[in-house]
N, C-alpha and C. Protein backbone atom coordinates (compact mmCIF):
# COMPACT_ATOMS: atom_id res chain seq x y z
N MET A 1 0.74 -0.97 -0.05
CA MET A 1 0.29 0.16 0.29
C MET A 1 0.93 1.31 0.02
N ARG A 2 0.89 2.04 -0.85
CA ARG A 2 1.21 3.16 -0.77
C ARG A 2 0.55 4.72 -0.21
N SER A 3 -0.42 4.47 -0.84
CA SER A 3 -1.16 5.85 -0.22
C SER A 3 -2.69 5.48 -0.26
N ILE A 4 -3.59 6.06 0.98
CA ILE A 4 -4.61 6.00 1.13
C ILE A 4 -5.12 8.01 1.25
N ARG A 5 -6.32 8.24 0.12
CA ARG A 5 -6.81 9.39 0.32
C ARG A 5 -8.10 9.03 0.53
N VAL A 6 -8.71 9.93 1.58
CA VAL A 6 -10.33 10.01 1.71
C VAL A 6 -10.80 11.32 1.06
N HIS A 7 -11.83 11.47 0.31
CA HIS A 7 -12.55 12.81 -0.44
C HIS A 7 -13.91 12.30 0.56
N GLY A 8 -14.86 12.82 1.32
CA GLY A 8 -16.30 12.46 1.29
C GLY A 8 -16.22 11.21 1.58
N ASN A 9 -17.11 11.13 0.15
CA ASN A 9 -17.49 9.55 -0.03
C ASN A 9 -16.48 8.45 -1.14
N ILE A 10 -15.43 9.20 -1.36
CA ILE A 10 -14.56 8.91 -2.49
C ILE A 10 -13.25 8.53 -1.77
N VAL A 11 -13.20 6.94 -2.12
CA VAL A 11 -11.49 6.47 -1.69
C VAL A 11 -10.69 6.27 -2.52
N GLU A 12 -9.64 6.78 -2.02
CA GLU A 12 -8.44 6.72 -3.39
C GLU A 12 -7.16 5.69 -2.88
N VAL A 13 -6.84 4.70 -3.31
CA VAL A 13 -5.57 3.56 -3.07
C VAL A 13 -4.59 3.57 -4.14
N ASP A 14 -3.84 4.03 -3.61
CA ASP A 14 -2.38 3.67 -4.63
C ASP A 14 -1.65 2.14 -4.07
N PHE A 15 -1.66 1.42 -5.01
CA PHE A 15 -0.68 0.28 -4.20
C PHE A 15 0.68 -0.56 -5.28
N ILE A 16 0.92 -1.17 -4.84
CA ILE A 16 2.00 -2.10 -6.15
C ILE A 16 0.89 -3.66 -5.47
N GLY A 17 0.59 -4.01 -7.04
CA GLY A 17 -0.09 -5.29 -7.34
C GLY A 17 1.19 -6.49 -7.47
N HIS A 18 1.00 -6.98 -7.50
CA HIS A 18 2.76 -8.50 -7.46
C HIS A 18 1.57 -9.89 -7.90
N GLY A 19 2.27 -10.45 -8.60
CA GLY A 19 2.05 -11.95 -8.73
C GLY A 19 2.29 -12.69 -10.16
N THR A 20 2.37 -13.47 -9.99
CA THR A 20 2.38 -14.36 -11.49
C THR A 20 1.37 -15.24 -11.98
N HIS A 21 2.03 -14.36 -13.45
CA HIS A 21 0.34 -14.46 -14.86
C HIS A 21 0.69 -15.96 -15.37
N THR A 22 -0.30 -16.91 -14.35
CA THR A 22 -0.73 -18.52 -14.51
C THR A 22 -2.19 -18.75 -15.57
N GLY A 23 -2.66 -17.36 -15.61
CA GLY A 23 -3.89 -17.61 -16.36
C GLY A 23 -4.12 -16.31 -17.51
N ASP A 24 -5.05 -16.63 -18.40
CA ASP A 24 -5.63 -15.14 -19.43
C ASP A 24 -5.83 -14.62 -18.74
N LEU A 25 -5.04 -13.19 -19.30
CA LEU A 25 -5.67 -11.90 -18.75
C LEU A 25 -6.20 -10.94 -19.82
N VAL A 26 -7.48 -10.94 -19.69
CA VAL A 26 -8.34 -10.34 -20.42
C VAL A 26 -8.65 -8.87 -20.28
N LEU A 27 -8.04 -8.11 -21.68
CA LEU A 27 -7.92 -6.02 -21.06
C LEU A 27 -8.72 -6.12 -22.15
N GLY A 28 -9.97 -6.05 -21.99
CA GLY A 28 -11.26 -5.49 -22.40
C GLY A 28 -11.37 -6.40 -23.98
N GLU A 29 -12.21 -6.10 -24.62
CA GLU A 29 -12.62 -7.01 -25.97
C GLU A 29 -11.19 -7.21 -27.15
N ALA A 30 -10.62 -6.09 -26.69
CA ALA A 30 -9.65 -6.16 -28.05
C ALA A 30 -8.42 -7.11 -27.49
N LEU A 31 -7.91 -7.28 -26.38
CA LEU A 31 -6.74 -7.89 -26.06
C LEU A 31 -6.92 -8.61 -25.14
N THR A 32 -6.28 -10.07 -25.03
CA THR A 32 -6.55 -11.17 -24.74
C THR A 32 -4.45 -11.66 -24.49
N ILE A 33 -4.17 -11.64 -23.02
CA ILE A 33 -2.75 -12.00 -23.52
C ILE A 33 -2.87 -13.38 -22.61
N PRO A 34 -2.52 -14.67 -22.98
CA PRO A 34 -2.21 -16.23 -22.54
C PRO A 34 -1.38 -16.01 -21.52
N ALA A 35 -1.04 -17.32 -20.89
CA ALA A 35 -0.40 -17.58 -19.76
C ALA A 35 1.32 -17.58 -19.31
N THR A 36 1.76 -16.30 -19.17
CA THR A 36 3.41 -16.35 -19.70
C THR A 36 3.99 -16.98 -18.39
N GLY A 37 3.70 -17.18 -17.36
CA GLY A 37 3.91 -17.82 -16.08
C GLY A 37 5.15 -17.09 -15.52
N ARG A 38 5.19 -15.68 -16.17
CA ARG A 38 6.09 -14.40 -15.60
C ARG A 38 5.38 -14.21 -13.94
N THR A 39 6.88 -13.33 -13.25
CA THR A 39 6.14 -12.63 -11.94
C THR A 39 6.49 -11.24 -12.03
N THR A 40 5.52 -10.44 -11.78
CA THR A 40 6.10 -9.10 -11.84
C THR A 40 4.97 -8.45 -11.08
N GLU A 41 5.61 -7.04 -10.99
CA GLU A 41 4.73 -6.24 -10.54
C GLU A 41 4.57 -4.95 -11.02
N LEU A 42 3.42 -4.39 -10.52
CA LEU A 42 3.16 -2.82 -11.23
C LEU A 42 2.07 -1.82 -10.38
N PRO A 43 2.22 -1.24 -10.47
CA PRO A 43 1.24 0.38 -9.67
C PRO A 43 0.33 0.08 -10.20
N PHE A 44 -0.76 0.88 -8.88
CA PHE A 44 -2.22 0.74 -9.38
C PHE A 44 -2.77 1.85 -8.50
N HIS A 45 -4.18 2.09 -9.34
CA HIS A 45 -5.00 3.22 -8.48
C HIS A 45 -6.38 2.76 -8.48
N ASP A 46 -6.83 2.73 -7.66
CA ASP A 46 -8.19 2.10 -7.03
C ASP A 46 -8.95 3.36 -7.01
N ARG A 47 -10.53 3.57 -7.33
CA ARG A 47 -11.20 5.02 -6.85
C ARG A 47 -12.42 4.19 -6.36
N LEU A 48 -13.16 4.27 -5.41
CA LEU A 48 -13.97 3.45 -4.39
C LEU A 48 -14.85 5.02 -4.16
N GLU A 49 -15.91 4.59 -4.85
CA GLU A 49 -17.00 4.91 -4.20
C GLU A 49 -18.42 4.26 -2.75
N ILE A 50 -18.41 5.53 -1.56
CA ILE A 50 -18.82 4.58 -0.56
C ILE A 50 -20.25 4.96 -0.36
N ARG A 51 -21.31 4.48 -0.31
CA ARG A 51 -22.67 4.78 0.39
C ARG A 51 -23.11 3.69 1.24
N ASP A 52 -23.57 4.54 2.47
CA ASP A 52 -23.96 3.20 3.20
C ASP A 52 -22.92 2.56 3.83
N GLY A 53 -22.33 2.80 3.88
CA GLY A 53 -20.82 1.39 4.02
C GLY A 53 -20.56 0.92 3.58
N LEU A 54 -21.33 0.58 1.80
CA LEU A 54 -21.03 -0.08 1.08
C LEU A 54 -20.46 0.54 -0.28
N ILE A 55 -19.33 -0.52 -0.97
CA ILE A 55 -18.92 0.31 -2.02
C ILE A 55 -19.71 -0.41 -3.44
N VAL A 56 -20.05 1.57 -4.15
CA VAL A 56 -20.89 1.31 -5.05
C VAL A 56 -20.65 1.57 -6.22
N SER A 57 -19.59 1.58 -6.84
CA SER A 57 -18.08 1.58 -7.73
C SER A 57 -16.76 1.65 -7.38
N ALA A 58 -16.35 1.15 -8.32
CA ALA A 58 -14.78 0.72 -8.20
C ALA A 58 -13.96 0.95 -10.09
N GLU A 59 -13.28 1.81 -9.66
CA GLU A 59 -12.53 2.35 -10.52
C GLU A 59 -11.42 2.10 -10.78
N LEU A 60 -9.90 0.62 -11.48
CA LEU A 60 -9.13 0.15 -11.32
C LEU A 60 -8.30 0.86 -12.59
N ASP A 61 -7.30 1.43 -12.42
CA ASP A 61 -6.25 2.43 -13.19
C ASP A 61 -5.04 1.83 -12.99
N PHE A 62 -4.46 1.30 -14.33
CA PHE A 62 -2.77 1.05 -14.71
C PHE A 62 -2.61 1.06 -15.94
N ASP A 63 -1.43 1.22 -16.27
CA ASP A 63 -0.34 1.20 -17.37
C ASP A 63 -0.78 -0.17 -18.01
N THR A 64 -1.91 -0.38 -18.54
CA THR A 64 -1.85 -1.29 -19.99
C THR A 64 -1.15 -1.48 -20.91
N GLU A 65 -0.10 -0.84 -21.31
CA GLU A 65 1.34 -0.69 -22.37
C GLU A 65 2.26 -1.34 -21.26
N GLU A 66 2.73 -0.70 -20.11
CA GLU A 66 3.42 -0.69 -19.12
C GLU A 66 3.44 -2.88 -18.82
N MET A 67 1.92 -3.03 -18.75
CA MET A 67 1.46 -4.34 -17.90
C MET A 67 2.23 -5.57 -19.26
N LYS A 68 1.87 -4.90 -20.32
CA LYS A 68 1.60 -5.80 -21.58
C LYS A 68 3.84 -5.95 -21.72
N ARG A 69 4.26 -4.96 -21.92
CA ARG A 69 5.66 -4.70 -21.81
C ARG A 69 6.15 -5.83 -20.44
N ARG A 70 6.00 -6.41 -19.54
CA ARG A 70 6.39 -6.73 -18.56
C ARG A 70 5.95 -8.29 -18.57
N LEU A 71 4.94 -8.84 -19.31
CA LEU A 71 4.59 -10.00 -19.39
C LEU A 71 5.05 -10.18 -21.15
N LEU A 72 5.25 -9.71 -21.79
CA LEU A 72 5.18 -10.39 -23.10
C LEU A 72 6.80 -10.51 -23.40
N GLY A 73 7.58 -9.51 -22.66
CA GLY A 73 9.12 -8.94 -22.08
C GLY A 73 9.17 -8.03 -23.56
């Protein structure tokens, strides 16, 4: 976890995700990356909207081009 910011009912979280690419990664309708077996990490930004104690929307942002470079070499 790099940072957490709260602005009213909006929570923004910056973190480093890490893992091993063991299954198909679907990045929208136009791109699927088959499993590579590579282990990597990448920064992410998550924006959550909270209402009545529940998450009502979530947006996860990351650099898809960097993800492709790290997984495909």
